[in-house]
Amino acid sequence: MTNTGAITGLEELPSVLPIFPLTGALLLGSGQLPLNIFEPRYLAMVKDAMDSHRLIGMVQPRDPETNDPAPEVYSVGCAGKICEYGELPNGMFRITLEGICRFRIVQELEVATQYRQIEADFASFHNDLAPSQYGEIDRGALHEALHHFLEFEDEANDWKALDHLEDDSLINSLSMICPFSPVEKQALLEAPNVHDRSELLISLLQMMLQQGQMHRTVQ
C-alpha cells in the first residue's frame, strides 16, 4: 500500500506524535527510511498511525548503547509519513517513512498506549516545508569529498543525475545514507538549514577520508 498525499503547511501537522526511538536512524525532509516493525508496541503504533495521520516521529536515544526500553531521547526529531505499508507473513510490518518536518519535543505525555507519545513543536522548522533554492550548496566541494566514497558504474552520467537533484534532496539523502556515528547524524539533523547541513556533511566526509588515510599509514 502506498500513499503520496503531500503536507504543505504546519497547520496540517498534529501536535501529538508517537515516537520511535532508534539509534543511528536519520530521517530528513524528502528522504525515505525503510523500516521492519516487529515489536508489539511498535506494531500497535503503526496500526494506530495508519488509522489516523500516518505520521511517526523518529528520534534517537541519547545513549547509543542503552538497553532501556524507554530511553532518554534527543529533543529534536523528524516526523515521517508512512508512504508505503505492507504486512509480512510472519506478522511483521514493512513500512517506509517519508521525511516531512523536524520537530522539538515540548514534553512527553502520560498515555495508555504501549508506545510513547510526545507534544511536538514544529514552528522552529517551518522552512523544512519550503522548497529549497538551487545554489545553496558548494557542489564542487561536495564532489571532491564524495569522490572517495561513491563507486559509480557510469561516473559521468551518475554525477549528472546527482547534480539534477534539488539541494535539499541531495544533501538530505547523502546525510541519511553515509556511515556516520549516531552523534554525527544528530548534528546533521539539527543543522539549521541545507547550507549548514551541506557544510557539516562535507566536513564529516573529509574527516572520514583523513582518518582512513591515517589508518593506512599506520598499517
Protein backbone atom coordinates (compact mmCIF):
# COMPACT_ATOMS: atom_id res chain seq x y z
CA MET A 1 0.00 0.00 0.00
CA THR A 2 1.34 3.44 -0.90
CA ASN A 3 0.30 6.97 -0.03
CA THR A 4 1.60 10.14 -1.66
CA GLY A 5 -0.59 12.81 -0.04
CA ALA A 6 1.62 15.85 0.49
CA ILE A 7 1.73 18.01 3.62
CA THR A 8 2.19 21.65 2.68
CA GLY A 9 1.75 23.62 5.92
CA LEU A 10 2.42 23.41 9.64
CA GLU A 11 -1.31 23.56 10.34
CA GLU A 12 -1.63 20.08 8.83
CA LEU A 13 0.79 18.57 11.36
CA PRO A 14 -0.57 17.13 14.61
CA SER A 15 0.59 18.49 17.96
CA VAL A 16 0.81 14.95 19.38
CA LEU A 17 3.10 12.37 17.80
CA PRO A 18 4.03 8.79 18.57
CA ILE A 19 7.81 8.42 18.73
CA PHE A 20 10.06 5.61 17.60
CA PRO A 21 13.48 5.82 19.32
CA LEU A 22 16.07 4.14 17.11
CA THR A 23 19.83 4.60 17.35
CA GLY A 24 21.55 5.54 14.11
CA ALA A 25 18.32 6.14 12.19
CA LEU A 26 18.35 9.53 10.48
CA LEU A 27 15.26 10.86 8.73
CA LEU A 28 15.25 14.22 6.95
CA GLY A 29 12.82 16.12 4.76
CA SER A 30 12.02 14.33 1.46
CA GLY A 31 14.22 11.39 2.46
CA GLN A 32 12.80 7.88 2.71
CA LEU A 33 13.56 5.48 5.54
CA PRO A 34 12.54 1.80 5.22
CA LEU A 35 11.78 0.02 8.49
CA ASN A 36 10.85 -3.52 9.54
CA ILE A 37 8.49 -3.36 12.51
CA PHE A 38 8.27 -6.40 14.80
CA GLU A 39 7.98 -5.32 18.45
CA PRO A 40 4.34 -5.49 19.65
CA ARG A 41 4.32 -1.88 20.90
CA TYR A 42 5.52 -0.57 17.55
CA LEU A 43 3.17 -2.82 15.60
CA ALA A 44 0.39 -1.14 17.61
CA MET A 45 1.92 2.27 16.89
CA VAL A 46 1.92 1.67 13.15
CA LYS A 47 -1.66 0.36 13.20
CA ASP A 48 -2.82 3.46 15.08
CA ALA A 49 -0.87 5.78 12.78
CA MET A 50 -2.40 4.11 9.71
CA ASP A 51 -5.84 4.76 11.17
CA SER A 52 -5.12 8.47 11.70
CA HIS A 53 -2.49 10.85 10.31
CA ARG A 54 0.07 8.20 9.25
CA LEU A 55 2.82 10.18 11.00
CA ILE A 56 5.56 8.81 13.26
CA GLY A 57 8.28 10.81 14.99
CA MET A 58 11.77 9.36 14.53
CA VAL A 59 14.14 10.19 17.40
CA GLN A 60 17.47 8.89 18.63
CA PRO A 61 18.30 7.76 22.18
CA ARG A 62 20.94 9.97 23.79
CA ASP A 63 22.90 6.87 24.81
CA PRO A 64 23.51 4.72 21.71
CA GLU A 65 24.44 1.72 23.90
CA THR A 66 21.34 1.79 26.07
CA ASN A 67 19.09 -1.22 26.57
CA ASP A 68 16.49 0.86 28.40
CA PRO A 69 13.03 0.13 26.89
CA ALA A 70 12.18 3.83 27.39
CA PRO A 71 15.50 5.62 26.85
CA GLU A 72 16.11 9.32 27.21
CA VAL A 73 15.96 10.78 23.69
CA TYR A 74 17.28 13.85 21.93
CA SER A 75 14.90 16.81 21.95
CA VAL A 76 14.87 17.14 18.14
CA GLY A 77 13.49 14.52 15.78
CA CYS A 78 11.79 14.32 12.39
CA ALA A 79 8.21 13.40 11.58
CA GLY A 80 7.82 10.88 8.81
CA LYS A 81 4.69 9.93 6.93
CA ILE A 82 4.04 6.28 6.17
CA CYS A 83 4.19 6.30 2.38
CA GLU A 84 4.50 2.53 1.93
CA TYR A 85 2.99 -0.17 4.11
CA GLY A 86 2.93 -3.92 3.89
CA GLU A 87 2.15 -6.86 6.20
CA LEU A 88 4.56 -9.81 6.08
CA PRO A 89 3.56 -13.46 6.59
CA ASN A 90 5.43 -13.58 9.93
CA GLY A 91 3.29 -10.77 11.34
CA MET A 92 5.89 -8.04 10.84
CA PHE A 93 5.14 -4.79 9.05
CA ARG A 94 7.42 -3.34 6.41
CA ILE A 95 6.96 0.39 6.10
CA THR A 96 8.71 3.33 4.51
CA LEU A 97 8.64 6.75 6.13
CA GLU A 98 8.98 9.89 4.06
CA GLY A 99 10.55 12.76 5.98
CA ILE A 100 8.15 15.69 6.39
CA CYS A 101 9.36 18.16 9.02
CA ARG A 102 11.60 18.25 12.08
CA PHE A 103 10.13 18.90 15.49
CA ARG A 104 11.22 19.77 19.01
CA ILE A 105 9.83 17.76 21.91
CA VAL A 106 7.88 20.03 24.25
CA GLN A 107 7.06 17.26 26.70
CA GLU A 108 6.46 13.54 26.84
CA LEU A 109 2.84 12.68 27.55
CA GLU A 110 1.36 10.21 30.01
CA VAL A 111 -0.52 7.81 27.77
CA ALA A 112 -2.26 4.45 27.95
CA THR A 113 -0.63 3.17 24.75
CA GLN A 114 2.33 0.79 24.83
CA TYR A 115 4.31 3.21 22.69
CA ARG A 116 5.46 6.67 23.76
CA GLN A 117 3.82 9.90 22.61
CA ILE A 118 5.03 13.48 22.80
CA GLU A 119 3.81 17.01 22.32
CA ALA A 120 5.66 18.26 19.24
CA ASP A 121 6.56 21.81 18.25
CA PHE A 122 7.23 22.21 14.52
CA ALA A 123 7.36 26.01 14.44
CA SER A 124 11.16 26.32 14.58
CA PHE A 125 11.47 24.15 11.47
CA HIS A 126 8.81 25.65 9.21
CA ASN A 127 11.41 26.06 6.45
CA ASP A 128 11.53 22.26 6.13
CA LEU A 129 8.26 22.54 4.21
CA ALA A 130 9.54 25.25 1.85
CA PRO A 131 11.18 24.35 -1.47
CA SER A 132 14.95 24.76 -1.44
CA GLN A 133 16.79 27.14 -3.72
CA TYR A 134 19.33 25.67 -6.13
CA GLY A 135 22.78 27.10 -5.45
CA GLU A 136 22.69 26.97 -1.65
CA ILE A 137 25.47 24.37 -1.51
CA ASP A 138 29.04 24.13 -2.81
CA ARG A 139 28.67 21.25 -5.24
CA GLY A 140 32.34 21.37 -6.23
CA ALA A 141 33.46 20.78 -2.65
CA LEU A 142 30.81 18.09 -2.27
CA HIS A 143 32.05 16.31 -5.41
CA GLU A 144 35.59 16.36 -4.09
CA ALA A 145 34.55 14.98 -0.70
CA LEU A 146 32.31 12.29 -2.18
CA HIS A 147 34.72 11.16 -4.88
CA HIS A 148 36.46 8.78 -2.48
CA PHE A 149 33.28 7.28 -1.07
CA LEU A 150 30.98 6.64 -4.03
CA GLU A 151 31.52 3.99 -6.68
CA PHE A 152 29.74 4.56 -9.97
CA GLU A 153 29.20 2.24 -12.91
CA ASP A 154 28.96 5.24 -15.22
CA GLU A 155 30.64 8.10 -13.34
CA ALA A 156 29.83 10.92 -15.73
CA ASN A 157 26.13 10.11 -16.02
CA ASP A 158 25.73 9.22 -12.35
CA TRP A 159 27.27 12.52 -11.25
CA LYS A 160 24.98 14.28 -13.71
CA ALA A 161 21.97 12.54 -12.15
CA LEU A 162 23.05 13.67 -8.69
CA ASP A 163 23.54 17.22 -9.88
CA HIS A 164 19.96 17.34 -11.14
CA LEU A 165 18.65 16.81 -7.59
CA GLU A 166 17.46 19.83 -5.65
CA ASP A 167 19.88 20.95 -2.96
CA ASP A 168 17.83 19.67 -0.02
CA SER A 169 17.08 16.30 -1.66
CA LEU A 170 20.76 15.79 -2.46
CA ILE A 171 22.15 16.79 0.93
CA ASN A 172 19.43 15.09 2.97
CA SER A 173 19.73 11.82 1.05
CA LEU A 174 23.52 11.77 1.38
CA SER A 175 23.31 12.61 5.09
CA MET A 176 20.98 9.64 5.60
CA ILE A 177 23.00 7.03 3.70
CA CYS A 178 26.57 7.90 4.69
CA PRO A 179 28.00 5.80 7.57
CA PHE A 180 28.18 8.45 10.27
CA SER A 181 28.02 7.90 14.02
CA PRO A 182 24.73 8.50 15.89
CA VAL A 183 26.08 11.77 17.32
CA GLU A 184 27.14 12.96 13.87
CA LYS A 185 23.74 12.03 12.46
CA GLN A 186 22.04 14.02 15.20
CA ALA A 187 24.23 17.01 14.35
CA LEU A 188 23.19 16.73 10.71
CA LEU A 189 19.55 16.53 11.76
CA GLU A 190 19.83 19.67 13.90
CA ALA A 191 21.70 21.76 11.31
CA PRO A 192 19.62 24.93 10.84
CA ASN A 193 19.33 24.77 7.05
CA VAL A 194 20.50 22.93 3.95
CA HIS A 195 23.56 25.17 3.53
CA ASP A 196 24.78 24.48 7.08
CA ARG A 197 23.99 20.78 6.71
CA SER A 198 25.99 20.62 3.47
CA GLU A 199 28.99 22.28 5.15
CA LEU A 200 28.82 19.82 8.02
CA LEU A 201 28.37 16.88 5.63
CA ILE A 202 31.46 17.90 3.66
CA SER A 203 33.48 18.32 6.87
CA LEU A 204 32.44 14.88 8.13
CA LEU A 205 33.34 13.25 4.81
CA GLN A 206 36.73 14.97 4.83
CA MET A 207 37.35 13.75 8.40
CA MET A 208 36.47 10.19 7.39
CA LEU A 209 38.90 10.42 4.48
CA GLN A 210 41.69 11.74 6.70
CA GLN A 211 41.10 9.03 9.28
CA GLY A 212 41.19 6.39 6.55
CA GLN A 213 44.47 7.74 5.22
CA MET A 214 45.98 7.82 8.72
CA HIS A 215 44.86 4.24 9.31
CA ARG A 216 46.51 3.07 6.09
CA THR A 217 49.71 4.96 7.01
CA VAL A 218 49.88 3.28 10.43
CA GLN A 219 49.38 -0.14 8.88
